[in-house]
Amino acid sequence: MSVGRKGWSPEGKQPDLREPPRDPTGWISRIFGQFVTGMTVSLEAPLWFDILTSLNSMRTTGKLRQKAEDQVAATP
């Protein structure tokens, strides 16, 4: 069991994270971390799609407004 800050062992060297956990707390922590990572990745895609869609619509809104102003100015 490590003493002190999380991630540090009493010998002063960091544990190898590629090895499987040795205690139930390590397994619970690893499973919880995988779950949180999976949920974050699955929720991230719609978020970025919505942000990019709104940015794209703002970009095209300016061009359409400019065309409309040109048409109004061209009519007598």
C-alpha atoms as a PDB file:
ATOM      1  CA  MET A   1       0.000   0.000   0.000  1.00  0.00           C
ATOM      2  CA  SER A   2       1.409   3.379  -0.917  1.00  0.00           C
ATOM      3  CA  VAL A   3       1.842   6.156   1.578  1.00  0.00           C
ATOM      4  CA  GLY A   4       1.497   9.843   0.782  1.00  0.00           C
ATOM      5  CA  ARG A   5       0.198  11.336  -2.407  1.00  0.00           C
ATOM      6  CA  LYS A   6      -1.653   9.152  -4.869  1.00  0.00           C
ATOM      7  CA  GLY A   7       0.601   7.637  -7.503  1.00  0.00           C
ATOM      8  CA  TRP A   8       3.750   7.579  -5.372  1.00  0.00           C
ATOM      9  CA  SER A   9       5.159   4.502  -3.716  1.00  0.00           C
ATOM     10  CA  PRO A  10       7.269   4.518  -0.539  1.00  0.00           C
ATOM     11  CA  GLU A  11      10.360   3.547  -2.573  1.00  0.00           C
ATOM     12  CA  GLY A  12      10.108   6.762  -4.582  1.00  0.00           C
ATOM     13  CA  LYS A  13       9.466   5.134  -7.956  1.00  0.00           C
ATOM     14  CA  GLN A  14       6.182   5.391  -9.780  1.00  0.00           C
ATOM     15  CA  PRO A  15       4.059   2.275 -10.275  1.00  0.00           C
ATOM     16  CA  ASP A  16       3.811   0.663 -13.713  1.00  0.00           C
ATOM     17  CA  LEU A  17       0.283   1.423 -14.923  1.00  0.00           C
ATOM     18  CA  ARG A  18       0.410  -1.373 -17.511  1.00  0.00           C
ATOM     19  CA  GLU A  19       0.278  -4.011 -14.771  1.00  0.00           C
ATOM     20  CA  PRO A  20      -3.137  -5.121 -13.506  1.00  0.00           C
ATOM     21  CA  PRO A  21      -4.237  -3.740 -10.131  1.00  0.00           C
ATOM     22  CA  ARG A  22      -3.380  -5.854  -7.099  1.00  0.00           C
ATOM     23  CA  ASP A  23      -6.271  -4.906  -4.826  1.00  0.00           C
ATOM     24  CA  PRO A  24     -10.056  -4.494  -5.248  1.00  0.00           C
ATOM     25  CA  THR A  25      -9.812  -0.722  -4.891  1.00  0.00           C
ATOM     26  CA  GLY A  26      -7.487  -0.600  -7.882  1.00  0.00           C
ATOM     27  CA  TRP A  27      -9.904  -2.653  -9.977  1.00  0.00           C
ATOM     28  CA  ILE A  28     -12.856  -0.461  -8.990  1.00  0.00           C
ATOM     29  CA  SER A  29     -10.846   2.640  -9.802  1.00  0.00           C
ATOM     30  CA  ARG A  30      -9.811   1.266 -13.200  1.00  0.00           C
ATOM     31  CA  ILE A  31     -13.357   0.172 -14.130  1.00  0.00           C
ATOM     32  CA  PHE A  32     -14.789   3.514 -13.010  1.00  0.00           C
ATOM     33  CA  GLY A  33     -12.150   5.354 -15.049  1.00  0.00           C
ATOM     34  CA  GLN A  34     -12.972   3.313 -18.154  1.00  0.00           C
ATOM     35  CA  PHE A  35     -16.685   4.004 -17.662  1.00  0.00           C
ATOM     36  CA  VAL A  36     -16.174   7.759 -17.258  1.00  0.00           C
ATOM     37  CA  THR A  37     -13.895   7.833 -20.304  1.00  0.00           C
ATOM     38  CA  GLY A  38     -16.453   5.956 -22.400  1.00  0.00           C
ATOM     39  CA  MET A  39     -19.291   8.239 -21.345  1.00  0.00           C
ATOM     40  CA  THR A  40     -17.222  11.349 -22.032  1.00  0.00           C
ATOM     41  CA  VAL A  41     -16.249  10.168 -25.501  1.00  0.00           C
ATOM     42  CA  SER A  42     -19.821   9.181 -26.371  1.00  0.00           C
ATOM     43  CA  LEU A  43     -21.218  12.538 -25.250  1.00  0.00           C
ATOM     44  CA  GLU A  44     -18.448  14.538 -26.880  1.00  0.00           C
ATOM     45  CA  ALA A  45     -19.344  13.760 -30.516  1.00  0.00           C
ATOM     46  CA  PRO A  46     -22.837  15.348 -30.519  1.00  0.00           C
ATOM     47  CA  LEU A  47     -21.483  18.356 -28.625  1.00  0.00           C
ATOM     48  CA  TRP A  48     -18.797  19.085 -31.208  1.00  0.00           C
ATOM     49  CA  PHE A  49     -21.204  18.412 -34.075  1.00  0.00           C
ATOM     50  CA  ASP A  50     -23.640  20.994 -32.668  1.00  0.00           C
ATOM     51  CA  ILE A  51     -20.875  23.544 -32.094  1.00  0.00           C
ATOM     52  CA  LEU A  52     -19.504  23.147 -35.620  1.00  0.00           C
ATOM     53  CA  THR A  53     -23.001  23.312 -37.113  1.00  0.00           C
ATOM     54  CA  SER A  54     -23.772  26.550 -35.274  1.00  0.00           C
ATOM     55  CA  LEU A  55     -20.440  28.052 -36.334  1.00  0.00           C
ATOM     56  CA  ASN A  56     -21.110  27.080 -39.928  1.00  0.00           C
ATOM     57  CA  SER A  57     -24.585  28.643 -39.845  1.00  0.00           C
ATOM     58  CA  MET A  58     -23.148  31.880 -38.417  1.00  0.00           C
ATOM     59  CA  ARG A  59     -20.617  31.970 -41.230  1.00  0.00           C
ATOM     60  CA  THR A  60     -23.259  31.584 -43.933  1.00  0.00           C
ATOM     61  CA  THR A  61     -25.622  34.059 -42.269  1.00  0.00           C
ATOM     62  CA  GLY A  62     -23.214  36.921 -42.914  1.00  0.00           C
ATOM     63  CA  LYS A  63     -22.902  36.087 -46.594  1.00  0.00           C
ATOM     64  CA  LEU A  64     -26.659  35.865 -47.104  1.00  0.00           C
ATOM     65  CA  ARG A  65     -27.208  39.191 -45.380  1.00  0.00           C
ATOM     66  CA  GLN A  66     -24.599  40.848 -47.615  1.00  0.00           C
ATOM     67  CA  LYS A  67     -26.314  39.480 -50.739  1.00  0.00           C
ATOM     68  CA  ALA A  68     -29.693  40.747 -49.520  1.00  0.00           C
ATOM     69  CA  GLU A  69     -28.268  44.237 -48.894  1.00  0.00           C
ATOM     70  CA  ASP A  70     -26.765  44.278 -52.407  1.00  0.00           C
ATOM     71  CA  GLN A  71     -30.129  43.336 -53.940  1.00  0.00           C
ATOM     72  CA  VAL A  72     -31.952  46.064 -51.994  1.00  0.00           C
ATOM     73  CA  ALA A  73     -29.381  48.657 -53.079  1.00  0.00           C
ATOM     74  CA  ALA A  74     -29.651  47.562 -56.734  1.00  0.00           C
ATOM     75  CA  THR A  75     -33.441  48.025 -56.949  1.00  0.00           C
ATOM     76  CA  PRO A  76     -34.564  51.563 -57.869  1.00  0.00           C
END
